[in-house]
């Protein structure tokens, strides 16, 4: 029995053995499991970024998919491990805000605390609950085990939320910031396309980052001039600053948190 696919999101990177071990545990319980890597490049301990990645991308997976999110700076403490049933999928991970955007998206979501030790590995480390608790739980769910077996239903209001900085919107424009940088050096802001649409989504918008003044291009990377910073709407419907055939983060010498201002008038 293959069962529901299991999707992994972690801050482990790929240079160590941690991701491989997660997969090994899952396959030891469900040898036919389909395991998909969403991202192992979440910045270390960046629960807010993990929450954003999950919320932006869960919709591209089949109903019933099981997401395991191991961005867990509080591992070994009293923080809870939870299983969320929401958005027609399942999410397993620490109660530290990584699922806060999912809970905002699906107000009818249910949250269970994962306490059933029959679902864990026999020996539990204090530093790797992804391996010893979350991965085996995902494997059991993928085989059709009931979520009602994981532990008690808890209030969504009791779950930890992430602290995110929304853009500031005024009559004349928007003040946001860089919230993520991908491996190409593209600068992803916290300004959603919908906010820009409210202002008319015009190429006349003046977008400022540091001393650079950019215009909004309504097209793909291939339509941009080479080696010049530009602003586009990316595939996740976020305002992005990029450089065709270059690295915007390196060229502009900016990092996460850098202010971005959009003047609409």
C-alpha atoms as a PDB file:
ATOM      1  CA  UNK A   1       0.000   0.000   0.000  1.00  0.00           C
ATOM      2  CA  UNK A   2       1.538   3.276  -1.116  1.00  0.00           C
ATOM      3  CA  UNK A   3      -0.751   5.652   0.810  1.00  0.00           C
ATOM      4  CA  UNK A   4      -0.767   9.440   0.907  1.00  0.00           C
ATOM      5  CA  UNK A   5       2.397  11.273  -0.155  1.00  0.00           C
ATOM      6  CA  UNK A   6       4.655  12.693   2.557  1.00  0.00           C
ATOM      7  CA  UNK A   7       6.178  16.120   1.940  1.00  0.00           C
ATOM      8  CA  UNK A   8       9.239  17.280   3.888  1.00  0.00           C
ATOM      9  CA  UNK A   9      10.100  20.877   4.788  1.00  0.00           C
ATOM     10  CA  UNK A  10      13.117  21.476   7.042  1.00  0.00           C
ATOM     11  CA  UNK A  11      15.996  23.807   7.838  1.00  0.00           C
ATOM     12  CA  UNK A  12      18.465  20.891   7.675  1.00  0.00           C
ATOM     13  CA  UNK A  13      20.124  21.665   4.351  1.00  0.00           C
ATOM     14  CA  UNK A  14      21.565  18.722   2.430  1.00  0.00           C
ATOM     15  CA  UNK A  15      25.161  18.485   3.631  1.00  0.00           C
ATOM     16  CA  UNK A  16      24.349  16.324   6.673  1.00  0.00           C
ATOM     17  CA  UNK A  17      22.536  13.041   7.117  1.00  0.00           C
ATOM     18  CA  UNK A  18      19.354  14.395   8.721  1.00  0.00           C
ATOM     19  CA  UNK A  19      17.092  14.444   5.659  1.00  0.00           C
ATOM     20  CA  UNK A  20      18.156  10.953   4.629  1.00  0.00           C
ATOM     21  CA  UNK A  21      17.442   9.630   8.103  1.00  0.00           C
ATOM     22  CA  UNK A  22      13.920  11.101   8.061  1.00  0.00           C
ATOM     23  CA  UNK A  23      13.266   9.244   4.818  1.00  0.00           C
ATOM     24  CA  UNK A  24      14.763   6.051   6.180  1.00  0.00           C
ATOM     25  CA  UNK A  25      12.434   6.084   9.185  1.00  0.00           C
ATOM     26  CA  UNK A  26       9.398   6.699   6.984  1.00  0.00           C
ATOM     27  CA  UNK A  27      10.329   3.879   4.607  1.00  0.00           C
ATOM     28  CA  UNK A  28      10.981   1.498   7.506  1.00  0.00           C
ATOM     29  CA  UNK A  29       7.317   1.858   8.448  1.00  0.00           C
ATOM     30  CA  UNK A  30       5.817   2.313   4.983  1.00  0.00           C
ATOM     31  CA  UNK A  31       8.241   0.860   2.399  1.00  0.00           C
ATOM     32  CA  UNK A  32       6.042   2.076  -0.445  1.00  0.00           C
ATOM     33  CA  UNK A  33       5.712   5.671   0.735  1.00  0.00           C
ATOM     34  CA  UNK A  34       6.018   8.504  -1.754  1.00  0.00           C
ATOM     35  CA  UNK A  35       8.326  11.110  -0.191  1.00  0.00           C
ATOM     36  CA  UNK A  36       8.654  14.587  -1.701  1.00  0.00           C
ATOM     37  CA  UNK A  37      11.129  17.290  -0.703  1.00  0.00           C
ATOM     38  CA  UNK A  38       9.469  20.699  -0.649  1.00  0.00           C
ATOM     39  CA  UNK A  39      12.469  22.531   0.811  1.00  0.00           C
ATOM     40  CA  UNK A  40      15.424  21.818   3.059  1.00  0.00           C
ATOM     41  CA  UNK A  41      16.738  25.341   2.613  1.00  0.00           C
ATOM     42  CA  UNK A  42      14.642  27.137   5.210  1.00  0.00           C
ATOM     43  CA  UNK A  43      17.070  29.427   7.082  1.00  0.00           C
ATOM     44  CA  UNK A  44      18.011  27.924  10.471  1.00  0.00           C
ATOM     45  CA  UNK A  45      15.281  28.389  13.089  1.00  0.00           C
ATOM     46  CA  UNK A  46      13.230  30.560  10.684  1.00  0.00           C
ATOM     47  CA  UNK A  47       9.740  29.470  11.720  1.00  0.00           C
ATOM     48  CA  UNK A  48       8.137  32.432   9.957  1.00  0.00           C
ATOM     49  CA  UNK A  49       9.724  31.507   6.647  1.00  0.00           C
ATOM     50  CA  UNK A  50       8.628  27.889   7.093  1.00  0.00           C
ATOM     51  CA  UNK A  51       5.058  29.047   7.715  1.00  0.00           C
ATOM     52  CA  UNK A  52       5.162  31.128   4.540  1.00  0.00           C
ATOM     53  CA  UNK A  53       6.589  28.327   2.388  1.00  0.00           C
ATOM     54  CA  UNK A  54       3.954  25.857   3.584  1.00  0.00           C
ATOM     55  CA  UNK A  55       1.066  28.260   3.078  1.00  0.00           C
ATOM     56  CA  UNK A  56       2.184  29.293  -0.397  1.00  0.00           C
ATOM     57  CA  UNK A  57       2.760  25.761  -1.661  1.00  0.00           C
ATOM     58  CA  UNK A  58       0.464  23.212   0.023  1.00  0.00           C
ATOM     59  CA  UNK A  59      -2.154  23.739  -2.713  1.00  0.00           C
ATOM     60  CA  UNK A  60       0.117  22.135  -5.300  1.00  0.00           C
ATOM     61  CA  UNK A  61      -0.093  18.752  -3.552  1.00  0.00           C
ATOM     62  CA  UNK A  62      -2.940  16.220  -3.632  1.00  0.00           C
ATOM     63  CA  UNK A  63      -5.709  16.226  -1.064  1.00  0.00           C
ATOM     64  CA  UNK A  64      -4.719  14.034   1.866  1.00  0.00           C
ATOM     65  CA  UNK A  65      -1.005  14.833   1.554  1.00  0.00           C
ATOM     66  CA  UNK A  66       1.000  14.712   4.783  1.00  0.00           C
ATOM     67  CA  UNK A  67       3.445  17.550   5.410  1.00  0.00           C
ATOM     68  CA  UNK A  68       6.257  17.113   7.921  1.00  0.00           C
ATOM     69  CA  UNK A  69       7.841  20.415   8.941  1.00  0.00           C
ATOM     70  CA  UNK A  70      11.000  20.148  11.029  1.00  0.00           C
ATOM     71  CA  UNK A  71      12.033  23.707  11.818  1.00  0.00           C
ATOM     72  CA  UNK A  72      12.285  23.117  15.518  1.00  0.00           C
ATOM     73  CA  UNK A  73      14.547  25.398  17.581  1.00  0.00           C
ATOM     74  CA  UNK A  74      12.679  24.319  20.728  1.00  0.00           C
ATOM     75  CA  UNK A  75      13.328  20.587  20.289  1.00  0.00           C
ATOM     76  CA  UNK A  76      13.671  18.819  23.631  1.00  0.00           C
ATOM     77  CA  UNK A  77      11.743  21.480  25.558  1.00  0.00           C
ATOM     78  CA  UNK A  78       8.121  21.469  26.702  1.00  0.00           C
ATOM     79  CA  UNK A  79       6.892  22.710  23.314  1.00  0.00           C
ATOM     80  CA  UNK A  80       4.175  20.509  21.847  1.00  0.00           C
ATOM     81  CA  UNK A  81       4.247  18.487  18.656  1.00  0.00           C
ATOM     82  CA  UNK A  82       0.990  18.778  16.749  1.00  0.00           C
ATOM     83  CA  UNK A  83      -0.886  17.291  13.827  1.00  0.00           C
ATOM     84  CA  UNK A  84      -3.079  19.738  11.921  1.00  0.00           C
ATOM     85  CA  UNK A  85      -5.908  18.612   9.678  1.00  0.00           C
ATOM     86  CA  UNK A  86      -6.626  21.585   7.455  1.00  0.00           C
ATOM     87  CA  UNK A  87      -6.758  22.732   3.839  1.00  0.00           C
ATOM     88  CA  UNK A  88      -7.671  19.096   2.955  1.00  0.00           C
ATOM     89  CA  UNK A  89      -4.211  17.958   4.059  1.00  0.00           C
ATOM     90  CA  UNK A  90      -2.259  17.008   7.191  1.00  0.00           C
ATOM     91  CA  UNK A  91       0.633  18.901   8.789  1.00  0.00           C
ATOM     92  CA  UNK A  92       2.951  17.446  11.434  1.00  0.00           C
ATOM     93  CA  UNK A  93       5.498  19.510  13.317  1.00  0.00           C
ATOM     94  CA  UNK A  94       6.307  21.565  16.397  1.00  0.00           C
ATOM     95  CA  UNK A  95       3.786  23.986  17.843  1.00  0.00           C
ATOM     96  CA  UNK A  96       6.023  27.002  17.286  1.00  0.00           C
ATOM     97  CA  UNK A  97       4.187  28.940  14.601  1.00  0.00           C
ATOM     98  CA  UNK A  98       5.138  26.949  11.513  1.00  0.00           C
ATOM     99  CA  UNK A  99       1.456  26.154  10.911  1.00  0.00           C
ATOM    100  CA  UNK A 100       0.038  29.559  11.854  1.00  0.00           C
ATOM    101  CA  UNK A 101      -0.584  30.580   8.234  1.00  0.00           C
ATOM    102  CA  UNK A 102      -2.350  27.285   7.554  1.00  0.00           C
ATOM    103  CA  UNK A 103      -4.607  27.890  10.547  1.00  0.00           C
ATOM    104  CA  UNK A 104      -5.342  31.412   9.294  1.00  0.00           C
ATOM    105  CA  UNK A 105      -6.203  30.050   5.857  1.00  0.00           C
ATOM    106  CA  UNK A 106      -8.530  27.302   7.097  1.00  0.00           C
ATOM    107  CA  UNK A 107     -10.579  28.551  10.028  1.00  0.00           C
ATOM    108  CA  UNK A 108     -12.167  25.098  10.360  1.00  0.00           C
ATOM    109  CA  UNK A 109      -8.826  23.295  10.758  1.00  0.00           C
ATOM    110  CA  UNK A 110      -8.407  20.838  13.630  1.00  0.00           C
ATOM    111  CA  UNK A 111      -5.264  20.503  15.742  1.00  0.00           C
ATOM    112  CA  UNK A 112      -4.267  17.400  17.699  1.00  0.00           C
ATOM    113  CA  UNK A 113      -1.376  17.116  20.106  1.00  0.00           C
ATOM    114  CA  UNK A 114       0.845  14.182  19.133  1.00  0.00           C
ATOM    115  CA  UNK A 115       1.167  12.230  22.384  1.00  0.00           C
ATOM    116  CA  UNK A 116       0.570   8.585  21.434  1.00  0.00           C
ATOM    117  CA  UNK A 117       3.956   7.008  22.144  1.00  0.00           C
ATOM    118  CA  UNK A 118       2.929   3.887  20.200  1.00  0.00           C
ATOM    119  CA  UNK A 119       3.489   6.048  17.111  1.00  0.00           C
ATOM    120  CA  UNK A 120       7.064   7.009  18.110  1.00  0.00           C
ATOM    121  CA  UNK A 121      10.346   5.188  17.715  1.00  0.00           C
ATOM    122  CA  UNK A 122      11.355   3.194  20.766  1.00  0.00           C
ATOM    123  CA  UNK A 123      14.290   5.427  21.716  1.00  0.00           C
ATOM    124  CA  UNK A 124      13.547   9.156  21.766  1.00  0.00           C
ATOM    125  CA  UNK A 125      16.413  11.612  21.415  1.00  0.00           C
ATOM    126  CA  UNK A 126      16.146  15.035  23.032  1.00  0.00           C
ATOM    127  CA  UNK A 127      17.540  16.678  19.893  1.00  0.00           C
ATOM    128  CA  UNK A 128      15.907  14.942  16.903  1.00  0.00           C
ATOM    129  CA  UNK A 129      12.146  14.678  17.316  1.00  0.00           C
ATOM    130  CA  UNK A 130      11.753  14.917  13.549  1.00  0.00           C
ATOM    131  CA  UNK A 131      13.313  11.466  13.277  1.00  0.00           C
ATOM    132  CA  UNK A 132      11.883   9.881  16.417  1.00  0.00           C
ATOM    133  CA  UNK A 133       8.341  11.291  16.548  1.00  0.00           C
ATOM    134  CA  UNK A 134       7.273  13.266  13.464  1.00  0.00           C
ATOM    135  CA  UNK A 135       8.556  10.968  10.704  1.00  0.00           C
ATOM    136  CA  UNK A 136       7.054   7.785  12.197  1.00  0.00           C
ATOM    137  CA  UNK A 137       3.749   9.566  12.763  1.00  0.00           C
ATOM    138  CA  UNK A 138       3.684  10.672   9.133  1.00  0.00           C
ATOM    139  CA  UNK A 139       4.389   7.129   7.974  1.00  0.00           C
ATOM    140  CA  UNK A 140       1.514   5.750  10.043  1.00  0.00           C
ATOM    141  CA  UNK A 141      -0.894   8.369   8.740  1.00  0.00           C
ATOM    142  CA  UNK A 142       0.205   7.526   5.196  1.00  0.00           C
ATOM    143  CA  UNK A 143      -0.825   3.918   5.830  1.00  0.00           C
ATOM    144  CA  UNK A 144      -4.331   5.023   6.773  1.00  0.00           C
ATOM    145  CA  UNK A 145      -4.143   5.310  10.557  1.00  0.00           C
ATOM    146  CA  UNK A 146      -6.750   7.652  12.013  1.00  0.00           C
ATOM    147  CA  UNK A 147      -5.772  11.110  13.178  1.00  0.00           C
ATOM    148  CA  UNK A 148      -7.962  10.440  16.210  1.00  0.00           C
ATOM    149  CA  UNK A 149      -5.264   8.045  17.434  1.00  0.00           C
ATOM    150  CA  UNK A 150      -2.474  10.632  17.636  1.00  0.00           C
ATOM    151  CA  UNK A 151      -3.617  12.317  20.833  1.00  0.00           C
ATOM    152  CA  UNK A 152      -6.116  14.857  22.161  1.00  0.00           C
ATOM    153  CA  UNK A 153      -7.842  17.509  20.085  1.00  0.00           C
ATOM    154  CA  UNK A 154      -6.648  20.941  21.236  1.00  0.00           C
ATOM    155  CA  UNK A 155      -7.858  24.484  20.677  1.00  0.00           C
ATOM    156  CA  UNK A 156      -6.441  26.282  17.662  1.00  0.00           C
ATOM    157  CA  UNK A 157      -6.391  29.420  19.821  1.00  0.00           C
ATOM    158  CA  UNK A 158      -3.802  27.751  22.061  1.00  0.00           C
ATOM    159  CA  UNK A 159      -1.360  27.251  19.179  1.00  0.00           C
ATOM    160  CA  UNK A 160       1.719  29.422  18.836  1.00  0.00           C
ATOM    161  CA  UNK A 161       1.663  32.021  16.071  1.00  0.00           C
ATOM    162  CA  UNK A 162       4.595  33.482  14.181  1.00  0.00           C
ATOM    163  CA  UNK A 163       5.450  37.146  14.359  1.00  0.00           C
ATOM    164  CA  UNK A 164       5.353  38.533  10.844  1.00  0.00           C
ATOM    165  CA  UNK A 165       5.734  42.108   9.687  1.00  0.00           C
ATOM    166  CA  UNK A 166       2.922  43.118   7.333  1.00  0.00           C
ATOM    167  CA  UNK A 167       3.554  45.907   4.831  1.00  0.00           C
ATOM    168  CA  UNK A 168       2.360  49.376   5.773  1.00  0.00           C
ATOM    169  CA  UNK A 169      -0.166  50.739   3.295  1.00  0.00           C
ATOM    170  CA  UNK A 170      -1.021  54.432   2.890  1.00  0.00           C
ATOM    171  CA  UNK A 171      -2.837  56.514   0.285  1.00  0.00           C
ATOM    172  CA  UNK A 172       0.371  57.118  -1.643  1.00  0.00           C
ATOM    173  CA  UNK A 173       2.100  53.776  -1.426  1.00  0.00           C
ATOM    174  CA  UNK A 174       3.362  50.735   0.425  1.00  0.00           C
ATOM    175  CA  UNK A 175       6.320  50.180   2.721  1.00  0.00           C
ATOM    176  CA  UNK A 176       7.441  46.577   2.952  1.00  0.00           C
ATOM    177  CA  UNK A 177      10.636  44.604   3.366  1.00  0.00           C
ATOM    178  CA  UNK A 178      12.639  41.706   1.991  1.00  0.00           C
ATOM    179  CA  UNK A 179      11.270  38.560   3.637  1.00  0.00           C
ATOM    180  CA  UNK A 180      13.306  35.898   1.807  1.00  0.00           C
ATOM    181  CA  UNK A 181      16.206  35.432  -0.604  1.00  0.00           C
ATOM    182  CA  UNK A 182      16.272  32.397  -2.879  1.00  0.00           C
ATOM    183  CA  UNK A 183      19.356  30.582  -4.183  1.00  0.00           C
ATOM    184  CA  UNK A 184      19.400  32.768  -7.303  1.00  0.00           C
ATOM    185  CA  UNK A 185      19.710  35.891  -5.174  1.00  0.00           C
ATOM    186  CA  UNK A 186      16.156  37.012  -5.954  1.00  0.00           C
ATOM    187  CA  UNK A 187      14.782  39.313  -3.257  1.00  0.00           C
ATOM    188  CA  UNK A 188      11.261  38.287  -2.260  1.00  0.00           C
ATOM    189  CA  UNK A 189       9.270  40.970  -0.473  1.00  0.00           C
ATOM    190  CA  UNK A 190       6.311  40.718   1.890  1.00  0.00           C
ATOM    191  CA  UNK A 191       4.177  42.747  -0.545  1.00  0.00           C
ATOM    192  CA  UNK A 192       1.479  40.642  -2.194  1.00  0.00           C
ATOM    193  CA  UNK A 193       0.234  41.230  -5.707  1.00  0.00           C
ATOM    194  CA  UNK A 194      -3.267  41.818  -4.344  1.00  0.00           C
ATOM    195  CA  UNK A 195      -2.105  44.946  -2.514  1.00  0.00           C
ATOM    196  CA  UNK A 196      -0.586  46.307  -5.717  1.00  0.00           C
ATOM    197  CA  UNK A 197      -3.758  45.483  -7.644  1.00  0.00           C
ATOM    198  CA  UNK A 198      -5.692  47.636  -5.178  1.00  0.00           C
ATOM    199  CA  UNK A 199      -3.508  50.521  -6.354  1.00  0.00           C
ATOM    200  CA  UNK A 200      -3.919  49.679 -10.048  1.00  0.00           C
ATOM    201  CA  UNK A 201      -0.796  47.509 -10.595  1.00  0.00           C
ATOM    202  CA  UNK A 202       0.856  50.040 -12.884  1.00  0.00           C
ATOM    203  CA  UNK A 203       4.313  50.074 -14.512  1.00  0.00           C
ATOM    204  CA  UNK A 204       4.397  53.685 -13.314  1.00  0.00           C
ATOM    205  CA  UNK A 205       4.906  52.519  -9.738  1.00  0.00           C
ATOM    206  CA  UNK A 206       8.273  53.675  -8.380  1.00  0.00           C
ATOM    207  CA  UNK A 207       9.904  50.922  -6.317  1.00  0.00           C
ATOM    208  CA  UNK A 208      12.823  51.943  -4.135  1.00  0.00           C
ATOM    209  CA  UNK A 209      15.341  49.686  -2.413  1.00  0.00           C
ATOM    210  CA  UNK A 210      18.366  51.408  -0.933  1.00  0.00           C
ATOM    211  CA  UNK A 211      19.414  53.970  -3.570  1.00  0.00           C
ATOM    212  CA  UNK A 212      17.906  52.023  -6.479  1.00  0.00           C
ATOM    213  CA  UNK A 213      14.685  53.225  -8.086  1.00  0.00           C
ATOM    214  CA  UNK A 214      12.961  50.500 -10.113  1.00  0.00           C
ATOM    215  CA  UNK A 215       9.852  50.105 -12.227  1.00  0.00           C
ATOM    216  CA  UNK A 216       7.467  47.173 -12.127  1.00  0.00           C
ATOM    217  CA  UNK A 217       7.845  44.872 -15.147  1.00  0.00           C
ATOM    218  CA  UNK A 218       4.739  42.875 -16.051  1.00  0.00           C
ATOM    219  CA  UNK A 219       6.429  39.900 -17.658  1.00  0.00           C
ATOM    220  CA  UNK A 220       8.897  37.072 -17.083  1.00  0.00           C
ATOM    221  CA  UNK A 221      12.606  37.032 -16.272  1.00  0.00           C
ATOM    222  CA  UNK A 222      13.405  36.536 -19.937  1.00  0.00           C
ATOM    223  CA  UNK A 223      11.892  39.902 -20.841  1.00  0.00           C
ATOM    224  CA  UNK A 224      14.149  41.833 -18.459  1.00  0.00           C
ATOM    225  CA  UNK A 225      17.366  43.623 -19.434  1.00  0.00           C
ATOM    226  CA  UNK A 226      20.541  41.734 -18.530  1.00  0.00           C
ATOM    227  CA  UNK A 227      22.365  42.493 -15.279  1.00  0.00           C
ATOM    228  CA  UNK A 228      20.022  45.274 -14.189  1.00  0.00           C
ATOM    229  CA  UNK A 229      17.858  45.197 -11.046  1.00  0.00           C
ATOM    230  CA  UNK A 230      14.159  44.978 -11.842  1.00  0.00           C
ATOM    231  CA  UNK A 231      10.873  44.334 -10.057  1.00  0.00           C
ATOM    232  CA  UNK A 232       8.359  41.673 -11.072  1.00  0.00           C
ATOM    233  CA  UNK A 233       5.487  39.669  -9.611  1.00  0.00           C
ATOM    234  CA  UNK A 234       6.810  36.161  -8.964  1.00  0.00           C
ATOM    235  CA  UNK A 235       5.105  32.774  -9.224  1.00  0.00           C
ATOM    236  CA  UNK A 236       3.858  33.055  -5.633  1.00  0.00           C
ATOM    237  CA  UNK A 237       2.180  36.401  -6.407  1.00  0.00           C
ATOM    238  CA  UNK A 238       4.710  38.393  -4.387  1.00  0.00           C
ATOM    239  CA  UNK A 239       6.660  41.487  -5.418  1.00  0.00           C
ATOM    240  CA  UNK A 240      10.209  40.372  -6.172  1.00  0.00           C
ATOM    241  CA  UNK A 241      13.384  42.245  -7.025  1.00  0.00           C
ATOM    242  CA  UNK A 242      15.659  40.309  -9.341  1.00  0.00           C
ATOM    243  CA  UNK A 243      18.518  40.612 -11.814  1.00  0.00           C
ATOM    244  CA  UNK A 244      18.367  38.652 -15.063  1.00  0.00           C
ATOM    245  CA  UNK A 245      21.528  36.534 -15.310  1.00  0.00           C
ATOM    246  CA  UNK A 246      22.717  37.989 -12.010  1.00  0.00           C
ATOM    247  CA  UNK A 247      22.289  37.945  -8.244  1.00  0.00           C
ATOM    248  CA  UNK A 248      20.172  40.804  -6.918  1.00  0.00           C
ATOM    249  CA  UNK A 249      21.149  40.235  -3.286  1.00  0.00           C
ATOM    250  CA  UNK A 250      24.853  40.455  -4.117  1.00  0.00           C
ATOM    251  CA  UNK A 251      24.576  43.328  -6.582  1.00  0.00           C
ATOM    252  CA  UNK A 252      22.414  45.469  -4.296  1.00  0.00           C
ATOM    253  CA  UNK A 253      24.195  44.281  -1.129  1.00  0.00           C
ATOM    254  CA  UNK A 254      20.966  43.758   0.786  1.00  0.00           C
ATOM    255  CA  UNK A 255      19.638  41.075   3.105  1.00  0.00           C
ATOM    256  CA  UNK A 256      16.442  39.986   4.785  1.00  0.00           C
ATOM    257  CA  UNK A 257      14.670  42.884   6.469  1.00  0.00           C
ATOM    258  CA  UNK A 258      15.829  45.536   3.975  1.00  0.00           C
ATOM    259  CA  UNK A 259      13.126  48.138   3.415  1.00  0.00           C
ATOM    260  CA  UNK A 260      11.267  48.294   0.095  1.00  0.00           C
ATOM    261  CA  UNK A 261       9.037  51.273  -0.710  1.00  0.00           C
ATOM    262  CA  UNK A 262       6.460  51.356  -3.501  1.00  0.00           C
ATOM    263  CA  UNK A 263       5.228  54.802  -4.470  1.00  0.00           C
ATOM    264  CA  UNK A 264       1.943  54.621  -6.332  1.00  0.00           C
ATOM    265  CA  UNK A 265       1.364  58.352  -6.790  1.00  0.00           C
END
